[in-house]
Amino acid sequence: MSDPGPISVECEAQGTGWVCHVTVGEESAQTSHRVTLSQSDLRRLAPGIDDPEVLVHVSFLFLLEREPRSSILTRFALPQIGYYFPDYEAAMAARLRP
């Protein structure tokens, strides 16, 4: 797949988790995504990682290896990736292993 360009992730605390705003690509051809993540999902998907931005960034790298940025949903809860790509959780465990 071609280079999708830079990935920017900014997460803000909300309730018992985070809302993350992700942009992929250069300004002229950028896609924007709103991703939610709970504290329990962060602990489950990325044990030992306290920063949700790390998990979201690595998750987008995972997605971009499999589909163009224009195919990524604009709004979703991060664990939904596993519905479309059953190897997602195993891939995160391998990539984020302490």
PDB file of N, CA and C in Angstrom:
ATOM      1  N   MET A   1       0.852  -1.179   0.000  1.00  0.00           N
ATOM      2  CA  MET A   1       0.000   0.000   0.000  1.00  0.00           C
ATOM      3  C   MET A   1       0.896   1.240   0.000  1.00  0.00           C
ATOM      4  N   SER A   2       0.458   2.316  -0.607  1.00  0.00           N
ATOM      5  CA  SER A   2       1.267   3.528  -0.675  1.00  0.00           C
ATOM      6  C   SER A   2       1.334   4.214   0.684  1.00  0.00           C
ATOM      7  N   ASP A   3       2.298   5.105   0.826  1.00  0.00           N
ATOM      8  CA  ASP A   3       2.499   5.835   2.080  1.00  0.00           C
ATOM      9  C   ASP A   3       1.287   6.727   2.342  1.00  0.00           C
ATOM     10  N   PRO A   4       0.605   6.523   3.490  1.00  0.00           N
ATOM     11  CA  PRO A   4      -0.590   7.307   3.775  1.00  0.00           C
ATOM     12  C   PRO A   4      -0.280   8.715   4.278  1.00  0.00           C
ATOM     13  N   GLY A   5       0.985   8.989   4.558  1.00  0.00           N
ATOM     14  CA  GLY A   5       1.364  10.288   5.108  1.00  0.00           C
ATOM     15  C   GLY A   5       1.373  10.236   6.624  1.00  0.00           C
ATOM     16  N   PRO A   6       1.571  11.384   7.243  1.00  0.00           N
ATOM     17  CA  PRO A   6       1.683  11.420   8.698  1.00  0.00           C
ATOM     18  C   PRO A   6       0.363  11.087   9.400  1.00  0.00           C
ATOM     19  N   ILE A   7       0.506  10.545  10.604  1.00  0.00           N
ATOM     20  CA  ILE A   7      -0.640  10.230  11.448  1.00  0.00           C
ATOM     21  C   ILE A   7      -0.523  11.100  12.694  1.00  0.00           C
ATOM     22  N   SER A   8      -1.563  11.857  12.976  1.00  0.00           N
ATOM     23  CA  SER A   8      -1.593  12.712  14.167  1.00  0.00           C
ATOM     24  C   SER A   8      -2.709  12.227  15.081  1.00  0.00           C
ATOM     25  N   VAL A   9      -2.388  12.035  16.375  1.00  0.00           N
ATOM     26  CA  VAL A   9      -3.375  11.552  17.341  1.00  0.00           C
ATOM     27  C   VAL A   9      -3.391  12.481  18.543  1.00  0.00           C
ATOM     28  N   GLU A  10      -4.569  12.955  18.904  1.00  0.00           N
ATOM     29  CA  GLU A  10      -4.746  13.760  20.112  1.00  0.00           C
ATOM     30  C   GLU A  10      -5.937  13.197  20.865  1.00  0.00           C
ATOM     31  N   CYS A  11      -5.699  12.781  22.118  1.00  0.00           N
ATOM     32  CA  CYS A  11      -6.760  12.193  22.926  1.00  0.00           C
ATOM     33  C   CYS A  11      -7.082  13.109  24.099  1.00  0.00           C
ATOM     34  N   GLU A  12      -8.365  13.179  24.423  1.00  0.00           N
ATOM     35  CA  GLU A  12      -8.789  13.936  25.591  1.00  0.00           C
ATOM     36  C   GLU A  12      -9.651  13.026  26.460  1.00  0.00           C
ATOM     37  N   ALA A  13      -9.433  13.138  27.778  1.00  0.00           N
ATOM     38  CA  ALA A  13     -10.199  12.314  28.713  1.00  0.00           C
ATOM     39  C   ALA A  13     -11.672  12.677  28.641  1.00  0.00           C
ATOM     40  N   GLN A  14     -12.496  11.630  28.700  1.00  0.00           N
ATOM     41  CA  GLN A  14     -13.940  11.844  28.704  1.00  0.00           C
ATOM     42  C   GLN A  14     -14.568  10.657  29.432  1.00  0.00           C
ATOM     43  N   GLY A  15     -15.223  10.924  30.538  1.00  0.00           N
ATOM     44  CA  GLY A  15     -15.836   9.854  31.311  1.00  0.00           C
ATOM     45  C   GLY A  15     -14.799   8.860  31.789  1.00  0.00           C
ATOM     46  N   THR A  16     -14.998   7.575  31.462  1.00  0.00           N
ATOM     47  CA  THR A  16     -14.061   6.532  31.885  1.00  0.00           C
ATOM     48  C   THR A  16     -13.130   6.125  30.746  1.00  0.00           C
ATOM     49  N   GLY A  17     -12.825   7.070  29.881  1.00  0.00           N
ATOM     50  CA  GLY A  17     -11.942   6.768  28.759  1.00  0.00           C
ATOM     51  C   GLY A  17     -11.506   8.026  28.047  1.00  0.00           C
ATOM     52  N   TRP A  18     -11.389   7.926  26.727  1.00  0.00           N
ATOM     53  CA  TRP A  18     -10.885   9.025  25.922  1.00  0.00           C
ATOM     54  C   TRP A  18     -11.641   9.124  24.609  1.00  0.00           C
ATOM     55  N   VAL A  19     -11.656  10.324  24.083  1.00  0.00           N
ATOM     56  CA  VAL A  19     -12.068  10.570  22.710  1.00  0.00           C
ATOM     57  C   VAL A  19     -10.805  11.041  22.002  1.00  0.00           C
ATOM     58  N   CYS A  20     -10.474  10.374  20.923  1.00  0.00           N
ATOM     59  CA  CYS A  20      -9.244  10.688  20.200  1.00  0.00           C
ATOM     60  C   CYS A  20      -9.582  11.205  18.811  1.00  0.00           C
ATOM     61  N   HIS A  21      -8.896  12.252  18.441  1.00  0.00           N
ATOM     62  CA  HIS A  21      -9.043  12.841  17.114  1.00  0.00           C
ATOM     63  C   HIS A  21      -7.790  12.475  16.331  1.00  0.00           C
ATOM     64  N   VAL A  22      -8.000  11.804  15.221  1.00  0.00           N
ATOM     65  CA  VAL A  22      -6.896  11.286  14.414  1.00  0.00           C
ATOM     66  C   VAL A  22      -6.985  11.892  13.022  1.00  0.00           C
ATOM     67  N   THR A  23      -5.863  12.369  12.525  1.00  0.00           N
ATOM     68  CA  THR A  23      -5.792  12.800  11.131  1.00  0.00           C
ATOM     69  C   THR A  23      -4.697  11.990  10.449  1.00  0.00           C
ATOM     70  N   VAL A  24      -4.969  11.635   9.207  1.00  0.00           N
ATOM     71  CA  VAL A  24      -4.025  10.845   8.422  1.00  0.00           C
ATOM     72  C   VAL A  24      -3.799  11.561   7.106  1.00  0.00           C
ATOM     73  N   GLY A  25      -2.549  11.781   6.775  1.00  0.00           N
ATOM     74  CA  GLY A  25      -2.209  12.370   5.491  1.00  0.00           C
ATOM     75  C   GLY A  25      -1.853  13.841   5.577  1.00  0.00           C
ATOM     76  N   GLU A  26      -1.445  14.342   4.442  1.00  0.00           N
ATOM     77  CA  GLU A  26      -1.094  15.744   4.307  1.00  0.00           C
ATOM     78  C   GLU A  26      -2.359  16.587   4.277  1.00  0.00           C
ATOM     79  N   GLU A  27      -2.230  17.843   4.574  1.00  0.00           N
ATOM     80  CA  GLU A  27      -3.374  18.747   4.693  1.00  0.00           C
ATOM     81  C   GLU A  27      -4.315  18.707   3.489  1.00  0.00           C
ATOM     82  N   SER A  28      -3.782  18.659   2.298  1.00  0.00           N
ATOM     83  CA  SER A  28      -4.631  18.713   1.103  1.00  0.00           C
ATOM     84  C   SER A  28      -5.451  17.438   0.877  1.00  0.00           C
ATOM     85  N   ALA A  29      -5.012  16.318   1.424  1.00  0.00           N
ATOM     86  CA  ALA A  29      -5.720  15.049   1.210  1.00  0.00           C
ATOM     87  C   ALA A  29      -5.888  14.301   2.530  1.00  0.00           C
ATOM     88  N   GLN A  30      -6.183  15.023   3.569  1.00  0.00           N
ATOM     89  CA  GLN A  30      -6.251  14.481   4.915  1.00  0.00           C
ATOM     90  C   GLN A  30      -7.598  13.806   5.192  1.00  0.00           C
ATOM     91  N   THR A  31      -7.561  12.739   5.985  1.00  0.00           N
ATOM     92  CA  THR A  31      -8.799  12.159   6.496  1.00  0.00           C
ATOM     93  C   THR A  31      -8.820  12.392   8.005  1.00  0.00           C
ATOM     94  N   SER A  32     -10.015  12.540   8.559  1.00  0.00           N
ATOM     95  CA  SER A  32     -10.185  12.781   9.990  1.00  0.00           C
ATOM     96  C   SER A  32     -11.051  11.691  10.583  1.00  0.00           C
ATOM     97  N   HIS A  33     -10.705  11.294  11.806  1.00  0.00           N
ATOM     98  CA  HIS A  33     -11.390  10.192  12.461  1.00  0.00           C
ATOM     99  C   HIS A  33     -11.584  10.520  13.934  1.00  0.00           C
ATOM    100  N   ARG A  34     -12.727  10.112  14.473  1.00  0.00           N
ATOM    101  CA  ARG A  34     -13.022  10.279  15.897  1.00  0.00           C
ATOM    102  C   ARG A  34     -13.109   8.874  16.479  1.00  0.00           C
ATOM    103  N   VAL A  35     -12.200   8.582  17.400  1.00  0.00           N
ATOM    104  CA  VAL A  35     -12.080   7.235  17.949  1.00  0.00           C
ATOM    105  C   VAL A  35     -12.275   7.294  19.461  1.00  0.00           C
ATOM    106  N   THR A  36     -13.118   6.411  19.987  1.00  0.00           N
ATOM    107  CA  THR A  36     -13.287   6.341  21.430  1.00  0.00           C
ATOM    108  C   THR A  36     -12.574   5.102  21.964  1.00  0.00           C
ATOM    109  N   LEU A  37     -12.147   5.231  23.215  1.00  0.00           N
ATOM    110  CA  LEU A  37     -11.389   4.153  23.860  1.00  0.00           C
ATOM    111  C   LEU A  37     -11.656   4.223  25.354  1.00  0.00           C
ATOM    112  N   SER A  38     -12.030   3.103  25.958  1.00  0.00           N
ATOM    113  CA  SER A  38     -12.256   3.067  27.400  1.00  0.00           C
ATOM    114  C   SER A  38     -10.960   2.691  28.110  1.00  0.00           C
ATOM    115  N   GLN A  39     -10.901   2.997  29.391  1.00  0.00           N
ATOM    116  CA  GLN A  39      -9.728   2.615  30.198  1.00  0.00           C
ATOM    117  C   GLN A  39      -9.562   1.103  30.211  1.00  0.00           C
ATOM    118  N   SER A  40     -10.670   0.381  30.332  1.00  0.00           N
ATOM    119  CA  SER A  40     -10.566  -1.085  30.372  1.00  0.00           C
ATOM    120  C   SER A  40     -10.063  -1.650  29.041  1.00  0.00           C
ATOM    121  N   ASP A  41     -10.467  -1.058  27.923  1.00  0.00           N
ATOM    122  CA  ASP A  41      -9.955  -1.517  26.630  1.00  0.00           C
ATOM    123  C   ASP A  41      -8.473  -1.193  26.472  1.00  0.00           C
ATOM    124  N   LEU A  42      -8.040  -0.044  26.971  1.00  0.00           N
ATOM    125  CA  LEU A  42      -6.608   0.276  26.924  1.00  0.00           C
ATOM    126  C   LEU A  42      -5.819  -0.758  27.717  1.00  0.00           C
ATOM    127  N   ARG A  43      -6.281  -1.094  28.920  1.00  0.00           N
ATOM    128  CA  ARG A  43      -5.577  -2.090  29.752  1.00  0.00           C
ATOM    129  C   ARG A  43      -5.559  -3.463  29.073  1.00  0.00           C
ATOM    130  N   ARG A  44      -6.656  -3.829  28.422  1.00  0.00           N
ATOM    131  CA  ARG A  44      -6.749  -5.140  27.777  1.00  0.00           C
ATOM    132  C   ARG A  44      -5.909  -5.216  26.496  1.00  0.00           C
ATOM    133  N   LEU A  45      -5.982  -4.172  25.672  1.00  0.00           N
ATOM    134  CA  LEU A  45      -5.290  -4.194  24.378  1.00  0.00           C
ATOM    135  C   LEU A  45      -3.815  -3.829  24.464  1.00  0.00           C
ATOM    136  N   ALA A  46      -3.461  -3.040  25.489  1.00  0.00           N
ATOM    137  CA  ALA A  46      -2.075  -2.565  25.604  1.00  0.00           C
ATOM    138  C   ALA A  46      -1.636  -2.576  27.068  1.00  0.00           C
ATOM    139  N   PRO A  47      -1.535  -3.772  27.666  1.00  0.00           N
ATOM    140  CA  PRO A  47      -1.140  -3.853  29.068  1.00  0.00           C
ATOM    141  C   PRO A  47       0.183  -3.122  29.311  1.00  0.00           C
ATOM    142  N   GLY A  48       0.208  -2.336  30.373  1.00  0.00           N
ATOM    143  CA  GLY A  48       1.436  -1.616  30.722  1.00  0.00           C
ATOM    144  C   GLY A  48       1.596  -0.281  30.008  1.00  0.00           C
ATOM    145  N   ILE A  49       0.703   0.046  29.082  1.00  0.00           N
ATOM    146  CA  ILE A  49       0.782   1.325  28.368  1.00  0.00           C
ATOM    147  C   ILE A  49      -0.284   2.243  28.957  1.00  0.00           C
ATOM    148  N   ASP A  50       0.136   3.407  29.425  1.00  0.00           N
ATOM    149  CA  ASP A  50      -0.789   4.344  30.053  1.00  0.00           C
ATOM    150  C   ASP A  50      -1.298   5.420  29.100  1.00  0.00           C
ATOM    151  N   ASP A  51      -0.635   5.586  27.980  1.00  0.00           N
ATOM    152  CA  ASP A  51      -0.966   6.663  27.055  1.00  0.00           C
ATOM    153  C   ASP A  51      -1.850   6.133  25.928  1.00  0.00           C
ATOM    154  N   PRO A  52      -3.114   6.535  25.878  1.00  0.00           N
ATOM    155  CA  PRO A  52      -4.001   6.028  24.827  1.00  0.00           C
ATOM    156  C   PRO A  52      -3.528   6.402  23.421  1.00  0.00           C
ATOM    157  N   GLU A  53      -2.796   7.503  23.302  1.00  0.00           N
ATOM    158  CA  GLU A  53      -2.331   7.933  21.977  1.00  0.00           C
ATOM    159  C   GLU A  53      -1.401   6.901  21.349  1.00  0.00           C
ATOM    160  N   VAL A  54      -0.643   6.187  22.181  1.00  0.00           N
ATOM    161  CA  VAL A  54       0.259   5.151  21.666  1.00  0.00           C
ATOM    162  C   VAL A  54      -0.550   4.030  21.019  1.00  0.00           C
ATOM    163  N   LEU A  55      -1.558   3.528  21.726  1.00  0.00           N
ATOM    164  CA  LEU A  55      -2.384   2.445  21.186  1.00  0.00           C
ATOM    165  C   LEU A  55      -3.133   2.889  19.938  1.00  0.00           C
ATOM    166  N   VAL A  56      -3.687   4.074  19.944  1.00  0.00           N
ATOM    167  CA  VAL A  56      -4.437   4.557  18.785  1.00  0.00           C
ATOM    168  C   VAL A  56      -3.508   4.706  17.578  1.00  0.00           C
ATOM    169  N   HIS A  57      -2.326   5.247  17.785  1.00  0.00           N
ATOM    170  CA  HIS A  57      -1.365   5.413  16.684  1.00  0.00           C
ATOM    171  C   HIS A  57      -0.989   4.057  16.089  1.00  0.00           C
ATOM    172  N   VAL A  58      -0.631   3.104  16.942  1.00  0.00           N
ATOM    173  CA  VAL A  58      -0.244   1.779  16.451  1.00  0.00           C
ATOM    174  C   VAL A  58      -1.431   1.093  15.776  1.00  0.00           C
ATOM    175  N   SER A  59      -2.631   1.326  16.281  1.00  0.00           N
ATOM    176  CA  SER A  59      -3.833   0.754  15.663  1.00  0.00           C
ATOM    177  C   SER A  59      -4.047   1.308  14.258  1.00  0.00           C
ATOM    178  N   PHE A  60      -3.778   2.593  14.072  1.00  0.00           N
ATOM    179  CA  PHE A  60      -3.919   3.171  12.732  1.00  0.00           C
ATOM    180  C   PHE A  60      -2.831   2.651  11.796  1.00  0.00           C
ATOM    181  N   LEU A  61      -1.640   2.430  12.293  1.00  0.00           N
ATOM    182  CA  LEU A  61      -0.608   1.802  11.456  1.00  0.00           C
ATOM    183  C   LEU A  61      -1.098   0.429  10.987  1.00  0.00           C
ATOM    184  N   PHE A  62      -1.674  -0.327  11.911  1.00  0.00           N
ATOM    185  CA  PHE A  62      -2.241  -1.646  11.602  1.00  0.00           C
ATOM    186  C   PHE A  62      -3.304  -1.518  10.504  1.00  0.00           C
ATOM    187  N   LEU A  63      -4.244  -0.593  10.689  1.00  0.00           N
ATOM    188  CA  LEU A  63      -5.306  -0.412   9.698  1.00  0.00           C
ATOM    189  C   LEU A  63      -4.753  -0.026   8.329  1.00  0.00           C
ATOM    190  N   LEU A  64      -3.799   0.871   8.319  1.00  0.00           N
ATOM    191  CA  LEU A  64      -3.260   1.377   7.051  1.00  0.00           C
ATOM    192  C   LEU A  64      -2.440   0.334   6.300  1.00  0.00           C
ATOM    193  N   GLU A  65      -2.019  -0.719   6.990  1.00  0.00           N
ATOM    194  CA  GLU A  65      -1.363  -1.833   6.307  1.00  0.00           C
ATOM    195  C   GLU A  65      -2.383  -2.682   5.559  1.00  0.00           C
ATOM    196  N   ARG A  66      -3.662  -2.516   5.895  1.00  0.00           N
ATOM    197  CA  ARG A  66      -4.703  -3.365   5.355  1.00  0.00           C
ATOM    198  C   ARG A  66      -5.707  -2.663   4.441  1.00  0.00           C
ATOM    199  N   GLU A  67      -5.796  -1.344   4.564  1.00  0.00           N
ATOM    200  CA  GLU A  67      -6.764  -0.611   3.748  1.00  0.00           C
ATOM    201  C   GLU A  67      -6.322   0.833   3.579  1.00  0.00           C
ATOM    202  N   PRO A  68      -6.810   1.493   2.518  1.00  0.00           N
ATOM    203  CA  PRO A  68      -6.468   2.907   2.328  1.00  0.00           C
ATOM    204  C   PRO A  68      -7.141   3.760   3.404  1.00  0.00           C
ATOM    205  N   ARG A  69      -6.547   4.893   3.692  1.00  0.00           N
ATOM    206  CA  ARG A  69      -7.091   5.767   4.745  1.00  0.00           C
ATOM    207  C   ARG A  69      -8.531   6.184   4.473  1.00  0.00           C
ATOM    208  N   SER A  70      -8.898   6.290   3.210  1.00  0.00           N
ATOM    209  CA  SER A  70     -10.269   6.684   2.857  1.00  0.00           C
ATOM    210  C   SER A  70     -11.292   5.602   3.209  1.00  0.00           C
ATOM    211  N   SER A  71     -10.849   4.383   3.461  1.00  0.00           N
ATOM    212  CA  SER A  71     -11.755   3.291   3.829  1.00  0.00           C
ATOM    213  C   SER A  71     -11.954   3.159   5.335  1.00  0.00           C
ATOM    214  N   ILE A  72     -11.148   3.858   6.118  1.00  0.00           N
ATOM    215  CA  ILE A  72     -11.258   3.769   7.572  1.00  0.00           C
ATOM    216  C   ILE A  72     -12.477   4.583   8.018  1.00  0.00           C
ATOM    217  N   LEU A  73     -13.284   3.989   8.880  1.00  0.00           N
ATOM    218  CA  LEU A  73     -14.478   4.671   9.384  1.00  0.00           C
ATOM    219  C   LEU A  73     -14.107   6.025   9.988  1.00  0.00           C
ATOM    220  N   THR A  74     -14.999   6.981   9.883  1.00  0.00           N
ATOM    221  CA  THR A  74     -14.708   8.311  10.433  1.00  0.00           C
ATOM    222  C   THR A  74     -14.990   8.380  11.932  1.00  0.00           C
ATOM    223  N   ARG A  75     -15.852   7.497  12.437  1.00  0.00           N
ATOM    224  CA  ARG A  75     -16.172   7.455  13.875  1.00  0.00           C
ATOM    225  C   ARG A  75     -16.311   5.994  14.291  1.00  0.00           C
ATOM    226  N   PHE A  76     -15.551   5.610  15.316  1.00  0.00           N
ATOM    227  CA  PHE A  76     -15.675   4.239  15.801  1.00  0.00           C
ATOM    228  C   PHE A  76     -15.005   4.094  17.169  1.00  0.00           C
ATOM    229  N   ALA A  77     -15.395   3.030  17.868  1.00  0.00           N
ATOM    230  CA  ALA A  77     -14.731   2.651  19.111  1.00  0.00           C
ATOM    231  C   ALA A  77     -13.573   1.741  18.727  1.00  0.00           C
ATOM    232  N   LEU A  78     -12.412   1.979  19.285  1.00  0.00           N
ATOM    233  CA  LEU A  78     -11.200   1.270  18.867  1.00  0.00           C
ATOM    234  C   LEU A  78     -11.361  -0.256  18.828  1.00  0.00           C
ATOM    235  N   PRO A  79     -12.023  -0.893  19.810  1.00  0.00           N
ATOM    236  CA  PRO A  79     -12.153  -2.350  19.748  1.00  0.00           C
ATOM    237  C   PRO A  79     -12.921  -2.859  18.526  1.00  0.00           C
ATOM    238  N   GLN A  80     -13.679  -1.995  17.849  1.00  0.00           N
ATOM    239  CA  GLN A  80     -14.403  -2.418  16.644  1.00  0.00           C
ATOM    240  C   GLN A  80     -13.462  -2.906  15.550  1.00  0.00           C
ATOM    241  N   ILE A  81     -12.212  -2.501  15.605  1.00  0.00           N
ATOM    242  CA  ILE A  81     -11.250  -2.961  14.585  1.00  0.00           C
ATOM    243  C   ILE A  81     -11.232  -4.484  14.547  1.00  0.00           C
ATOM    244  N   GLY A  82     -11.347  -5.113  15.719  1.00  0.00           N
ATOM    245  CA  GLY A  82     -11.335  -6.575  15.796  1.00  0.00           C
ATOM    246  C   GLY A  82     -12.491  -7.241  15.075  1.00  0.00           C
ATOM    247  N   TYR A  83     -13.615  -6.548  14.878  1.00  0.00           N
ATOM    248  CA  TYR A  83     -14.735  -7.102  14.126  1.00  0.00           C
ATOM    249  C   TYR A  83     -14.385  -7.247  12.648  1.00  0.00           C
ATOM    250  N   TYR A  84     -13.618  -6.298  12.148  1.00  0.00           N
ATOM    251  CA  TYR A  84     -13.240  -6.304  10.731  1.00  0.00           C
ATOM    252  C   TYR A  84     -11.954  -7.084  10.473  1.00  0.00           C
ATOM    253  N   PHE A  85     -11.064  -7.068  11.468  1.00  0.00           N
ATOM    254  CA  PHE A  85      -9.772  -7.740  11.334  1.00  0.00           C
ATOM    255  C   PHE A  85      -9.545  -8.592  12.581  1.00  0.00           C
ATOM    256  N   PRO A  86      -9.887  -9.880  12.510  1.00  0.00           N
ATOM    257  CA  PRO A  86      -9.798 -10.746  13.689  1.00  0.00           C
ATOM    258  C   PRO A  86      -8.396 -10.858  14.296  1.00  0.00           C
ATOM    259  N   ASP A  87      -7.354 -10.536  13.536  1.00  0.00           N
ATOM    260  CA  ASP A  87      -5.992 -10.627  14.062  1.00  0.00           C
ATOM    261  C   ASP A  87      -5.556  -9.356  14.795  1.00  0.00           C
ATOM    262  N   TYR A  88      -6.455  -8.382  14.937  1.00  0.00           N
ATOM    263  CA  TYR A  88      -6.105  -7.090  15.541  1.00  0.00           C
ATOM    264  C   TYR A  88      -5.545  -7.216  16.954  1.00  0.00           C
ATOM    265  N   GLU A  89      -6.260  -7.903  17.834  1.00  0.00           N
ATOM    266  CA  GLU A  89      -5.810  -7.970  19.231  1.00  0.00           C
ATOM    267  C   GLU A  89      -4.468  -8.676  19.354  1.00  0.00           C
ATOM    268  N   ALA A  90      -4.272  -9.762  18.610  1.00  0.00           N
ATOM    269  CA  ALA A  90      -2.986 -10.463  18.637  1.00  0.00           C
ATOM    270  C   ALA A  90      -1.872  -9.573  18.095  1.00  0.00           C
ATOM    271  N   ALA A  91      -2.185  -8.796  17.068  1.00  0.00           N
ATOM    272  CA  ALA A  91      -1.184  -7.886  16.490  1.00  0.00           C
ATOM    273  C   ALA A  91      -0.799  -6.808  17.494  1.00  0.00           C
ATOM    274  N   MET A  92      -1.786  -6.280  18.235  1.00  0.00           N
ATOM    275  CA  MET A  92      -1.465  -5.245  19.240  1.00  0.00           C
ATOM    276  C   MET A  92      -0.627  -5.844  20.360  1.00  0.00           C
ATOM    277  N   ALA A  93      -0.946  -7.064  20.785  1.00  0.00           N
ATOM    278  CA  ALA A  93      -0.169  -7.721  21.834  1.00  0.00           C
ATOM    279  C   ALA A  93       1.289  -7.883  21.391  1.00  0.00           C
ATOM    280  N   ALA A  94       1.491  -8.260  20.127  1.00  0.00           N
ATOM    281  CA  ALA A  94       2.847  -8.448  19.615  1.00  0.00           C
ATOM    282  C   ALA A  94       3.588  -7.133  19.442  1.00  0.00           C
ATOM    283  N   ARG A  95       2.906  -6.116  18.945  1.00  0.00           N
ATOM    284  CA  ARG A  95       3.553  -4.828  18.654  1.00  0.00           C
ATOM    285  C   ARG A  95       3.821  -4.002  19.915  1.00  0.00           C
ATOM    286  N   LEU A  96       2.992  -4.179  20.935  1.00  0.00           N
ATOM    287  CA  LEU A  96       3.099  -3.345  22.129  1.00  0.00           C
ATOM    288  C   LEU A  96       3.624  -4.125  23.324  1.00  0.00           C
ATOM    289  N   ARG A  97       4.188  -5.264  23.078  1.00  0.00           N
ATOM    290  CA  ARG A  97       4.724  -6.087  24.168  1.00  0.00           C
ATOM    291  C   ARG A  97       5.820  -5.330  24.889  1.00  0.00           C
ATOM    292  N   PRO A  98       5.738  -5.270  26.242  1.00  0.00           N
ATOM    293  CA  PRO A  98       6.777  -4.528  26.995  1.00  0.00           C
ATOM    294  C   PRO A  98       8.130  -5.197  26.922  1.00  0.00           C
TER     295      PRO A  98
END
